[in-house]
Amino acid sequence: MDQETDRHWINIFAAFFVASLPILIIQVFHPSVYFESKIPPYLVFHNIAESFSIIVSMSIFGVGWFTYAQSKDKHTLFLATAFLGIALIDMMHMLGYSGMPDLLTPNSPNKSTLFWITVRFFAAISFLMSAFIPKENGLLKWKSWTLLAPILVSAFTFVTVTYYPDLLPATFSPEAGLTNFKKVSEFVIIFILILALVAYWFRIPKFGWDHTKYYIYAFVFCISSELVFAIYTTVFDIYNVLGHVYKIVSFFLIYRGVFISTINSPYRNVLETNEKLSKSLAEKENLIREIYHRSNNTLQVIGSMIYLQAEAYPDSQEVKTVVYRTQDRIQAISLVHRLLFSGQDLSSVPIKQYISDLLNYTLQANANSSCQLKLNMDVEDKKVLFDVVIPIGLILSELLNNSIKYAFPEASSGNISITFRERQDGRFHLTYSDDGIGMKENYNFKDCSSLGIQLVKGISESQLSGKIHFKTGPKFHCEIDFPINIYRKRV
């Protein structure tokens, strides 16, 4: 045997030792500790003990029955329905006890003991059968039918013991005490419980010690309970008290086993899955940030390569203009990747911060301009998907560069205004204007040859699916409105 198996055996022997210790103490110190209780205080104890057992049994039934749709655990469902029958017959045993008001027919020790023997046989056989039922094997279409056996057994027991006790062997007589049938029955029950313990031992390799140990411990205390019930002399002595204590402990251990199988284990699996998902998401977030960082670096490299290529044409103003404008457009895209890399949200960018950074970059890039520009920005402080932000950045970059270069040819100062708002009709509204010379009254924006205007118009209509409107005459003015939901969040 390996070390793990040895530990399991040690734990089982330890459970047997703990369970047998009170019996040994009573045997050794019998004259000092043995007692026979009077009926009233014993009834209080008995009712409390049995009520607790019934509550635990119904709890086992409730947990197993109502979690089956999620757990699909046939083993737990079988035990749950068995404990419904155990709870019902235990209730009959409690109500049929001597000293309690008569349960339809006169109560007697024999009556309550018949209920006791029946429920113990039913419990032991159910435990043994449950050892051969798998934990998870799909949903049962006819789950309600599993209630049939325990209800029929309970009903048959109630009718037979209550109205036809003469058909059953006697379990207790006032003259002789426990009958041989009662004592032999307890040992037969013990034998069935030992078989159940052995059967559960063979479940350990497949289902694990943690899922099996509570049932094995419960059977140890069930065996101890049956043992003391086989040797007590009256229904009110210390052995009877100890037997009920063992029963409470065993039922509680089974409840723990059912609860762990149907509640703790699934939640533990969910937590472990969540941890794995969180770790995976963190790794993906880091990967995406690295992609944004490398994309930003790649864009900067492309801009530098274009600039180096342009140095081969030092006297060509047209080449320089193309290079500078291309670098501005690259920078408009690069700023988005920079903000995505530094932020927590990998899909959206704070539009107000982005437009502010873009304007600052553009003004610094044109710092040698003789015109002093004042920027008026009215931008809603919210996050916008980067699929939308990049087209907005390219549009603003074109318009701002056009204003700097062409709107104020002789002026010493000028004003540029930008507004960006979300309207109630589910669309964004972007406005750009300056107080410069504007556009000619008859300027044809549809057939214009300006690359900047063509880019602004093409991006607005194709990438943003928006509507664009230019104002001709003094003071350039451009309005663009486009739907909010043209892109979906992907990260």
Protein backbone atom coordinates (compact mmCIF):
# COMPACT_ATOMS: atom_id res chain seq x y z
CA MET A 1 0.00 0.00 0.00
CA ASP A 2 1.20 3.51 -0.71
CA GLN A 3 1.47 6.24 1.91
CA GLU A 4 -1.84 7.83 0.97
CA THR A 5 -3.71 4.54 1.43
CA ASP A 6 -1.96 4.05 4.77
CA ARG A 7 -3.17 7.49 5.87
CA HIS A 8 -6.74 6.56 4.92
CA TRP A 9 -6.56 3.38 6.99
CA ILE A 10 -5.14 5.31 9.94
CA ASN A 11 -7.98 7.83 9.70
CA ILE A 12 -10.59 5.04 9.67
CA PHE A 13 -9.01 3.29 12.67
CA ALA A 14 -8.88 6.65 14.46
CA ALA A 15 -12.61 7.13 13.78
CA PHE A 16 -13.33 3.64 15.20
CA PHE A 17 -11.23 4.46 18.27
CA VAL A 18 -13.05 7.75 18.88
CA ALA A 19 -16.43 6.07 18.41
CA SER A 20 -15.58 3.11 20.70
CA LEU A 21 -13.98 5.19 23.44
CA PRO A 22 -17.27 6.13 25.20
CA ILE A 23 -18.39 2.48 25.12
CA LEU A 24 -15.07 1.39 26.67
CA ILE A 25 -15.34 4.08 29.35
CA ILE A 26 -18.86 2.91 30.25
CA GLN A 27 -17.68 -0.71 30.42
CA VAL A 28 -14.65 0.09 32.57
CA PHE A 29 -16.40 2.51 34.92
CA HIS A 30 -19.83 0.89 34.67
CA PRO A 31 -20.88 1.20 38.33
CA SER A 32 -19.99 4.88 38.37
CA VAL A 33 -21.38 6.09 35.05
CA TYR A 34 -24.29 3.79 34.26
CA PHE A 35 -27.74 5.25 34.83
CA GLU A 36 -31.34 4.75 33.86
CA SER A 37 -33.14 8.02 33.31
CA LYS A 38 -36.65 8.80 34.41
CA ILE A 39 -39.21 9.04 31.64
CA PRO A 40 -39.88 12.85 31.52
CA PRO A 41 -36.25 14.06 31.21
CA TYR A 42 -35.40 11.23 28.86
CA LEU A 43 -38.33 12.12 26.60
CA VAL A 44 -37.03 15.67 26.38
CA PHE A 45 -33.61 14.39 25.33
CA HIS A 46 -35.10 11.81 22.98
CA ASN A 47 -37.34 14.32 21.25
CA ILE A 48 -34.48 16.79 20.84
CA ALA A 49 -32.16 14.08 19.46
CA GLU A 50 -34.75 12.66 17.08
CA SER A 51 -35.90 16.13 15.98
CA PHE A 52 -32.33 17.03 15.18
CA SER A 53 -31.93 13.80 13.19
CA ILE A 54 -35.16 14.48 11.31
CA ILE A 55 -34.08 18.06 10.52
CA VAL A 56 -30.70 16.86 9.27
CA SER A 57 -32.38 14.14 7.18
CA MET A 58 -34.75 16.66 5.60
CA SER A 59 -31.81 19.00 5.01
CA ILE A 60 -29.97 16.22 3.20
CA PHE A 61 -33.10 15.63 1.12
CA GLY A 62 -33.48 19.34 0.36
CA VAL A 63 -29.84 19.88 -0.62
CA GLY A 64 -29.66 16.76 -2.80
CA TRP A 65 -33.08 17.18 -4.42
CA PHE A 66 -33.03 20.89 -5.23
CA THR A 67 -29.41 21.04 -6.42
CA TYR A 68 -29.70 18.03 -8.72
CA ALA A 69 -30.52 20.13 -11.79
CA GLN A 70 -27.12 21.83 -11.40
CA SER A 71 -25.01 19.02 -9.90
CA LYS A 72 -26.44 16.10 -11.96
CA ASP A 73 -25.14 13.93 -9.09
CA LYS A 74 -27.17 10.70 -9.07
CA HIS A 75 -25.37 9.44 -5.98
CA THR A 76 -26.44 12.44 -3.93
CA LEU A 77 -29.97 12.30 -5.35
CA PHE A 78 -30.29 8.65 -4.29
CA LEU A 79 -29.11 9.44 -0.76
CA ALA A 80 -31.37 12.50 -0.62
CA THR A 81 -34.52 10.53 -1.45
CA ALA A 82 -33.47 7.75 0.94
CA PHE A 83 -33.17 10.32 3.73
CA LEU A 84 -36.69 11.51 3.01
CA GLY A 85 -37.88 8.01 3.94
CA ILE A 86 -35.52 7.95 6.94
CA ALA A 87 -36.92 11.28 8.18
CA LEU A 88 -40.52 10.09 7.88
CA ILE A 89 -39.96 6.79 9.71
CA ASP A 90 -37.79 8.48 12.37
CA MET A 91 -40.71 10.82 12.99
CA MET A 92 -42.97 7.81 13.47
CA HIS A 93 -40.41 6.36 15.89
CA MET A 94 -40.33 9.60 17.90
CA LEU A 95 -44.12 9.98 18.02
CA GLY A 96 -44.62 6.29 18.87
CA TYR A 97 -42.24 6.38 21.86
CA SER A 98 -43.49 5.41 25.32
CA GLY A 99 -44.58 8.49 27.23
CA MET A 100 -45.57 10.39 24.10
CA PRO A 101 -49.27 10.91 23.25
CA ASP A 102 -50.58 7.83 21.46
CA LEU A 103 -49.94 7.77 17.69
CA LEU A 104 -53.40 6.54 16.57
CA THR A 105 -52.88 3.30 18.52
CA PRO A 106 -51.35 2.93 22.02
CA ASN A 107 -47.64 3.69 22.15
CA SER A 108 -45.26 1.11 23.59
CA PRO A 109 -41.55 0.24 23.60
CA ASN A 110 -42.25 -2.47 21.05
CA LYS A 111 -44.01 -0.02 18.73
CA SER A 112 -41.23 2.57 18.77
CA THR A 113 -38.58 -0.16 18.48
CA LEU A 114 -40.30 -1.66 15.42
CA PHE A 115 -40.15 1.74 13.77
CA TRP A 116 -36.51 1.98 14.84
CA ILE A 117 -35.49 -1.42 13.42
CA THR A 118 -37.31 -0.73 10.15
CA VAL A 119 -35.69 2.65 9.61
CA ARG A 120 -32.25 1.29 10.52
CA PHE A 121 -32.65 -1.57 8.01
CA PHE A 122 -33.85 0.88 5.38
CA ALA A 123 -30.95 3.26 6.07
CA ALA A 124 -28.29 0.51 6.05
CA ILE A 125 -29.55 -1.01 2.78
CA SER A 126 -29.78 2.46 1.21
CA PHE A 127 -26.19 3.23 2.24
CA LEU A 128 -24.98 -0.04 0.76
CA MET A 129 -26.86 0.53 -2.52
CA SER A 130 -25.61 4.11 -2.78
CA ALA A 131 -22.01 2.84 -2.92
CA PHE A 132 -22.69 1.44 -6.40
CA ILE A 133 -24.30 4.58 -7.84
CA PRO A 134 -22.02 6.96 -9.81
CA LYS A 135 -21.75 10.60 -8.87
CA GLU A 136 -22.47 12.25 -12.22
CA ASN A 137 -24.14 10.56 -15.13
CA GLY A 138 -26.55 13.04 -16.71
CA LEU A 139 -29.99 14.26 -15.71
CA LEU A 140 -32.82 11.87 -14.95
CA LYS A 141 -35.91 12.62 -17.02
CA TRP A 142 -38.19 11.10 -14.38
CA LYS A 143 -36.59 12.45 -11.21
CA SER A 144 -39.91 12.46 -9.33
CA TRP A 145 -40.10 8.67 -9.59
CA THR A 146 -37.11 8.38 -7.26
CA LEU A 147 -39.44 9.47 -4.43
CA LEU A 148 -41.67 6.45 -4.94
CA ALA A 149 -39.58 3.88 -3.01
CA PRO A 150 -39.03 5.88 0.22
CA ILE A 151 -42.65 7.04 0.31
CA LEU A 152 -43.98 3.50 -0.23
CA VAL A 153 -41.63 2.08 2.41
CA SER A 154 -42.66 4.79 4.88
CA ALA A 155 -46.36 4.27 4.22
CA PHE A 156 -46.10 0.48 4.47
CA THR A 157 -44.13 0.74 7.71
CA PHE A 158 -46.61 3.16 9.27
CA VAL A 159 -49.66 1.06 8.41
CA THR A 160 -48.08 -2.26 9.42
CA VAL A 161 -46.51 -1.15 12.72
CA THR A 162 -49.51 0.97 13.73
CA TYR A 163 -52.37 -1.35 12.88
CA TYR A 164 -50.86 -4.82 12.38
CA PRO A 165 -47.96 -5.17 14.85
CA ASP A 166 -48.88 -8.80 15.51
CA LEU A 167 -47.73 -9.65 11.99
CA LEU A 168 -44.21 -8.53 12.94
CA PRO A 169 -41.74 -10.18 15.35
CA ALA A 170 -41.67 -8.66 18.85
CA THR A 171 -38.66 -6.46 19.59
CA PHE A 172 -39.25 -5.70 23.27
CA SER A 173 -41.09 -7.27 26.15
CA PRO A 174 -41.57 -5.79 29.61
CA GLU A 175 -40.39 -9.00 31.27
CA ALA A 176 -37.29 -9.89 29.20
CA GLY A 177 -36.39 -6.53 27.66
CA LEU A 178 -34.88 -6.72 24.19
CA THR A 179 -35.87 -9.82 22.27
CA ASN A 180 -33.46 -11.99 20.34
CA PHE A 181 -34.99 -10.72 17.11
CA LYS A 182 -34.13 -7.15 18.09
CA LYS A 183 -30.54 -8.05 19.02
CA VAL A 184 -29.97 -10.17 15.93
CA SER A 185 -31.47 -7.44 13.74
CA GLU A 186 -29.02 -4.90 15.15
CA PHE A 187 -26.08 -7.18 14.30
CA VAL A 188 -27.46 -7.80 10.81
CA ILE A 189 -27.71 -4.02 10.37
CA ILE A 190 -24.11 -3.71 11.59
CA PHE A 191 -23.03 -6.31 9.03
CA ILE A 192 -24.79 -4.37 6.22
CA LEU A 193 -23.13 -1.16 7.39
CA ILE A 194 -19.72 -2.86 7.35
CA LEU A 195 -20.41 -3.93 3.76
CA ALA A 196 -21.36 -0.33 2.95
CA LEU A 197 -18.11 0.91 4.52
CA VAL A 198 -16.08 -1.58 2.46
CA ALA A 199 -17.98 -0.64 -0.71
CA TYR A 200 -17.27 3.04 -0.10
CA TRP A 201 -13.61 2.21 0.44
CA PHE A 202 -13.48 0.98 -3.15
CA ARG A 203 -15.01 4.30 -4.30
CA ILE A 204 -11.95 6.21 -3.06
CA PRO A 205 -9.67 5.61 -6.10
CA LYS A 206 -12.38 6.84 -8.48
CA PHE A 207 -14.01 9.67 -6.54
CA GLY A 208 -11.26 10.69 -4.12
CA TRP A 209 -10.86 10.59 -0.35
CA ASP A 210 -12.31 14.07 0.21
CA HIS A 211 -15.62 13.05 -1.42
CA THR A 212 -15.80 9.73 0.42
CA LYS A 213 -14.37 10.17 3.90
CA TYR A 214 -17.48 11.70 5.50
CA TYR A 215 -19.60 8.75 4.46
CA ILE A 216 -17.02 6.27 5.81
CA TYR A 217 -16.80 8.16 9.12
CA ALA A 218 -20.61 8.23 9.28
CA PHE A 219 -20.80 4.47 8.85
CA VAL A 220 -18.30 4.03 11.69
CA PHE A 221 -20.60 5.96 14.03
CA CYS A 222 -23.68 4.18 12.63
CA ILE A 223 -22.04 0.84 13.47
CA SER A 224 -21.25 2.10 16.97
CA SER A 225 -24.83 3.31 17.35
CA GLU A 226 -26.25 -0.07 16.37
CA LEU A 227 -23.82 -1.82 18.69
CA VAL A 228 -24.97 0.06 21.79
CA PHE A 229 -28.61 -0.36 20.77
CA ALA A 230 -28.00 -4.10 20.69
CA ILE A 231 -26.78 -4.17 24.31
CA TYR A 232 -28.95 -1.65 26.18
CA THR A 233 -31.19 -3.08 28.90
CA THR A 234 -33.94 -0.45 28.99
CA VAL A 235 -35.03 2.26 26.57
CA PHE A 236 -34.02 4.92 29.13
CA ASP A 237 -30.44 3.89 30.04
CA ILE A 238 -27.06 5.43 29.18
CA TYR A 239 -26.51 3.13 26.20
CA ASN A 240 -29.71 4.38 24.62
CA VAL A 241 -28.57 7.97 25.15
CA LEU A 242 -25.16 7.20 23.67
CA GLY A 243 -26.75 5.46 20.68
CA HIS A 244 -28.78 8.55 19.83
CA VAL A 245 -25.65 10.72 20.12
CA TYR A 246 -23.86 8.41 17.67
CA LYS A 247 -26.83 8.65 15.34
CA ILE A 248 -26.73 12.46 15.41
CA VAL A 249 -23.00 12.46 14.65
CA SER A 250 -23.39 9.98 11.76
CA PHE A 251 -26.26 11.95 10.17
CA PHE A 252 -24.31 15.17 10.47
CA LEU A 253 -21.29 13.56 8.76
CA ILE A 254 -23.48 12.34 5.89
CA TYR A 255 -24.91 15.86 5.59
CA ARG A 256 -21.36 17.16 5.35
CA GLY A 257 -20.59 14.65 2.60
CA VAL A 258 -23.71 15.58 0.63
CA PHE A 259 -23.11 19.29 1.14
CA ILE A 260 -19.51 19.03 -0.04
CA SER A 261 -20.52 17.03 -3.12
CA THR A 262 -23.37 19.30 -4.18
CA ILE A 263 -22.36 22.73 -2.88
CA ASN A 264 -18.70 23.04 -1.86
CA SER A 265 -17.13 21.07 -4.70
CA PRO A 266 -19.02 22.83 -7.52
CA TYR A 267 -18.26 26.23 -6.00
CA ARG A 268 -14.62 25.23 -5.53
CA ASN A 269 -14.51 24.16 -9.17
CA VAL A 270 -16.07 27.49 -10.18
CA LEU A 271 -13.50 29.40 -8.12
CA GLU A 272 -10.64 27.41 -9.61
CA THR A 273 -12.03 28.02 -13.10
CA ASN A 274 -12.39 31.73 -12.33
CA GLU A 275 -8.80 31.85 -11.14
CA LYS A 276 -7.64 30.18 -14.34
CA LEU A 277 -9.76 32.55 -16.42
CA SER A 278 -8.46 35.56 -14.50
CA LYS A 279 -4.89 34.42 -15.05
CA SER A 280 -5.59 33.79 -18.73
CA LEU A 281 -7.24 37.20 -19.10
CA ALA A 282 -4.32 38.89 -17.36
CA GLU A 283 -1.91 37.18 -19.75
CA LYS A 284 -4.04 38.23 -22.73
CA GLU A 285 -4.25 41.80 -21.43
CA ASN A 286 -0.48 41.93 -21.13
CA LEU A 287 -0.18 40.49 -24.64
CA ILE A 288 -2.61 43.06 -26.06
CA ARG A 289 -0.80 45.90 -24.29
CA GLU A 290 2.45 44.61 -25.74
CA ILE A 291 0.82 44.60 -29.18
CA TYR A 292 -0.29 48.23 -28.69
CA HIS A 293 3.20 49.14 -27.51
CA ARG A 294 4.86 47.47 -30.48
CA SER A 295 2.32 48.95 -32.87
CA ASN A 296 3.16 52.39 -31.52
CA ASN A 297 6.88 51.69 -31.94
CA THR A 298 6.30 50.36 -35.47
CA LEU A 299 4.41 53.51 -36.42
CA GLN A 300 7.25 55.64 -35.08
CA VAL A 301 9.75 53.58 -37.08
CA ILE A 302 7.65 54.02 -40.24
CA GLY A 303 7.52 57.79 -39.63
CA SER A 304 11.29 57.92 -39.17
CA MET A 305 11.89 55.89 -42.34
CA ILE A 306 9.67 58.23 -44.34
CA TYR A 307 11.54 61.22 -42.93
CA LEU A 308 14.90 59.64 -43.80
CA GLN A 309 13.71 58.93 -47.33
CA ALA A 310 12.64 62.58 -47.68
CA GLU A 311 16.15 63.78 -46.83
CA ALA A 312 17.20 62.50 -50.24
CA TYR A 313 15.18 65.44 -51.68
CA PRO A 314 16.35 68.44 -49.61
CA ASP A 315 15.19 71.00 -52.19
CA SER A 316 11.70 69.61 -52.79
CA GLN A 317 9.11 71.48 -50.71
CA GLU A 318 6.35 69.16 -51.96
CA VAL A 319 8.16 66.10 -50.62
CA LYS A 320 8.66 67.78 -47.25
CA THR A 321 4.99 68.71 -47.08
CA VAL A 322 3.94 65.14 -47.84
CA VAL A 323 6.34 63.80 -45.22
CA TYR A 324 5.18 66.21 -42.51
CA ARG A 325 1.52 65.50 -43.18
CA THR A 326 2.15 61.75 -43.20
CA GLN A 327 3.96 62.01 -39.87
CA ASP A 328 1.01 63.94 -38.43
CA ARG A 329 -1.36 61.18 -39.53
CA ILE A 330 0.93 58.50 -38.08
CA GLN A 331 1.08 60.43 -34.83
CA ALA A 332 -2.72 60.65 -34.68
CA ILE A 333 -2.86 56.83 -34.81
CA SER A 334 0.14 56.37 -32.52
CA LEU A 335 -1.44 58.44 -29.75
CA VAL A 336 -4.35 56.01 -29.63
CA HIS A 337 -2.04 53.02 -29.12
CA ARG A 338 -0.13 54.92 -26.47
CA LEU A 339 -3.28 55.67 -24.48
CA LEU A 340 -4.49 52.07 -24.85
CA PHE A 341 -1.14 50.75 -23.60
CA SER A 342 -1.15 52.99 -20.52
CA GLY A 343 -4.83 52.56 -19.57
CA GLN A 344 -6.86 49.79 -17.95
CA ASP A 345 -9.44 49.62 -20.74
CA LEU A 346 -8.00 47.86 -23.79
CA SER A 347 -10.88 48.82 -26.10
CA SER A 348 -11.68 52.43 -25.32
CA VAL A 349 -9.80 55.71 -25.07
CA PRO A 350 -10.76 58.83 -23.07
CA ILE A 351 -11.71 61.06 -25.99
CA LYS A 352 -11.14 64.33 -24.14
CA GLN A 353 -7.57 63.41 -23.21
CA TYR A 354 -6.88 62.10 -26.70
CA ILE A 355 -8.07 65.25 -28.49
CA SER A 356 -6.13 67.42 -26.02
CA ASP A 357 -2.91 65.42 -26.61
CA LEU A 358 -3.44 65.53 -30.39
CA LEU A 359 -3.94 69.31 -30.38
CA ASN A 360 -0.85 69.85 -28.22
CA TYR A 361 1.26 67.71 -30.54
CA THR A 362 0.03 69.51 -33.65
CA LEU A 363 0.70 72.95 -32.17
CA GLN A 364 4.18 71.91 -31.05
CA ALA A 365 4.91 70.50 -34.51
CA ASN A 366 3.96 73.90 -35.97
CA ALA A 367 5.57 76.01 -33.28
CA ASN A 368 7.39 78.14 -35.90
CA SER A 369 4.08 79.55 -37.17
CA SER A 370 3.79 83.34 -36.80
CA CYS A 371 0.11 83.15 -35.89
CA GLN A 372 -0.81 82.73 -32.24
CA LEU A 373 -3.69 80.27 -32.03
CA LYS A 374 -6.18 79.89 -29.20
CA LEU A 375 -7.91 76.54 -28.88
CA ASN A 376 -11.43 76.24 -27.47
CA MET A 377 -12.31 72.65 -26.68
CA ASP A 378 -15.73 71.46 -25.53
CA VAL A 379 -15.40 67.68 -25.48
CA GLU A 380 -17.51 65.30 -23.42
CA ASP A 381 -15.38 63.44 -20.89
CA LYS A 382 -16.11 59.81 -21.79
CA LYS A 383 -14.46 56.76 -23.26
CA VAL A 384 -14.91 55.94 -26.95
CA LEU A 385 -13.91 52.77 -28.81
CA PHE A 386 -10.51 53.10 -30.44
CA ASP A 387 -12.09 52.07 -33.79
CA VAL A 388 -13.91 55.42 -33.64
CA VAL A 389 -11.12 57.46 -32.04
CA ILE A 390 -8.58 56.80 -34.81
CA PRO A 391 -10.83 58.19 -37.61
CA ILE A 392 -11.66 61.19 -35.41
CA GLY A 393 -7.95 61.77 -34.82
CA LEU A 394 -7.17 61.63 -38.56
CA ILE A 395 -10.02 64.07 -39.31
CA LEU A 396 -8.95 66.55 -36.64
CA SER A 397 -5.31 66.28 -37.67
CA GLU A 398 -6.18 67.22 -41.29
CA LEU A 399 -8.49 70.06 -40.30
CA LEU A 400 -6.10 71.48 -37.71
CA ASN A 401 -3.13 71.42 -40.07
CA ASN A 402 -5.23 73.10 -42.77
CA SER A 403 -6.22 75.83 -40.33
CA ILE A 404 -2.64 76.42 -39.19
CA LYS A 405 -1.29 76.59 -42.75
CA TYR A 406 -4.10 78.29 -44.69
CA ALA A 407 -6.74 79.91 -42.43
CA PHE A 408 -4.67 82.79 -41.06
CA PRO A 409 -2.26 83.94 -43.81
CA GLU A 410 -1.85 87.49 -42.50
CA ALA A 411 -3.42 87.39 -39.06
CA SER A 412 -1.35 87.46 -35.89
CA SER A 413 -3.85 85.41 -33.90
CA GLY A 414 -6.78 83.11 -34.45
CA ASN A 415 -9.33 80.90 -32.71
CA ILE A 416 -10.06 77.25 -33.29
CA SER A 417 -13.04 75.51 -31.67
CA ILE A 418 -13.74 71.79 -31.33
CA THR A 419 -16.85 70.22 -29.80
CA PHE A 420 -17.67 66.54 -29.40
CA ARG A 421 -20.97 65.35 -27.87
CA GLU A 422 -23.20 62.31 -27.65
CA ARG A 423 -26.71 63.20 -28.74
CA GLN A 424 -29.92 61.70 -27.39
CA ASP A 425 -30.72 60.13 -30.76
CA GLY A 426 -27.83 57.68 -30.41
CA ARG A 427 -25.29 59.55 -32.54
CA PHE A 428 -22.01 61.38 -31.94
CA HIS A 429 -21.68 64.99 -33.10
CA LEU A 430 -18.26 66.45 -33.95
CA THR A 431 -17.85 70.13 -34.81
CA TYR A 432 -14.67 71.88 -35.97
CA SER A 433 -14.45 75.57 -36.76
CA ASP A 434 -11.99 78.46 -37.00
CA ASP A 435 -12.39 82.22 -37.50
CA GLY A 436 -9.97 82.36 -40.43
CA ILE A 437 -10.56 83.27 -44.07
CA GLY A 438 -12.74 80.21 -44.62
CA MET A 439 -13.54 78.70 -48.03
CA LYS A 440 -14.68 80.33 -51.26
CA GLU A 441 -18.44 80.72 -51.59
CA ASN A 442 -18.56 78.54 -54.67
CA TYR A 443 -16.11 75.91 -53.39
CA ASN A 444 -17.13 72.44 -54.56
CA PHE A 445 -16.32 69.98 -51.74
CA LYS A 446 -17.50 66.98 -53.80
CA ASP A 447 -15.05 67.45 -56.65
CA CYS A 448 -12.22 69.21 -54.80
CA SER A 449 -8.62 68.19 -55.44
CA SER A 450 -7.44 68.77 -51.86
CA LEU A 451 -6.15 65.53 -50.36
CA GLY A 452 -6.95 66.75 -46.83
CA ILE A 453 -10.61 67.48 -47.62
CA GLN A 454 -10.91 64.20 -49.52
CA LEU A 455 -9.51 62.32 -46.50
CA VAL A 456 -11.86 64.09 -44.09
CA LYS A 457 -14.87 63.41 -46.29
CA GLY A 458 -13.88 59.80 -47.07
CA ILE A 459 -13.15 58.88 -43.44
CA SER A 460 -16.37 60.50 -42.21
CA GLU A 461 -18.58 58.71 -44.71
CA SER A 462 -16.85 55.34 -45.09
CA GLN A 463 -15.22 54.57 -41.74
CA LEU A 464 -17.70 56.38 -39.48
CA SER A 465 -20.80 55.92 -41.65
CA GLY A 466 -21.53 59.54 -40.90
CA LYS A 467 -22.89 62.67 -42.50
CA ILE A 468 -20.56 65.62 -43.10
CA HIS A 469 -21.43 69.25 -43.73
CA PHE A 470 -19.02 72.06 -44.70
CA LYS A 471 -19.78 75.79 -44.52
CA THR A 472 -18.40 77.98 -47.28
CA GLY A 473 -17.46 81.63 -46.92
CA PRO A 474 -15.55 83.26 -44.04
CA LYS A 475 -14.91 81.29 -40.89
CA PHE A 476 -14.47 77.64 -41.76
CA HIS A 477 -17.04 75.31 -40.18
CA CYS A 478 -17.40 71.54 -40.43
CA GLU A 479 -19.97 69.30 -38.76
CA ILE A 480 -19.95 65.50 -38.68
CA ASP A 481 -22.52 63.28 -37.01
CA PHE A 482 -22.30 59.50 -37.01
CA PRO A 483 -23.87 56.54 -35.18
CA ILE A 484 -22.47 55.41 -31.84
CA ASN A 485 -22.80 51.66 -32.40
CA ILE A 486 -20.97 51.25 -35.72
CA TYR A 487 -18.26 49.22 -33.94
CA ARG A 488 -18.46 46.64 -31.15
CA LYS A 489 -16.16 46.22 -28.20
CA ARG A 490 -13.76 43.37 -28.99
CA VAL A 491 -11.34 43.31 -26.05
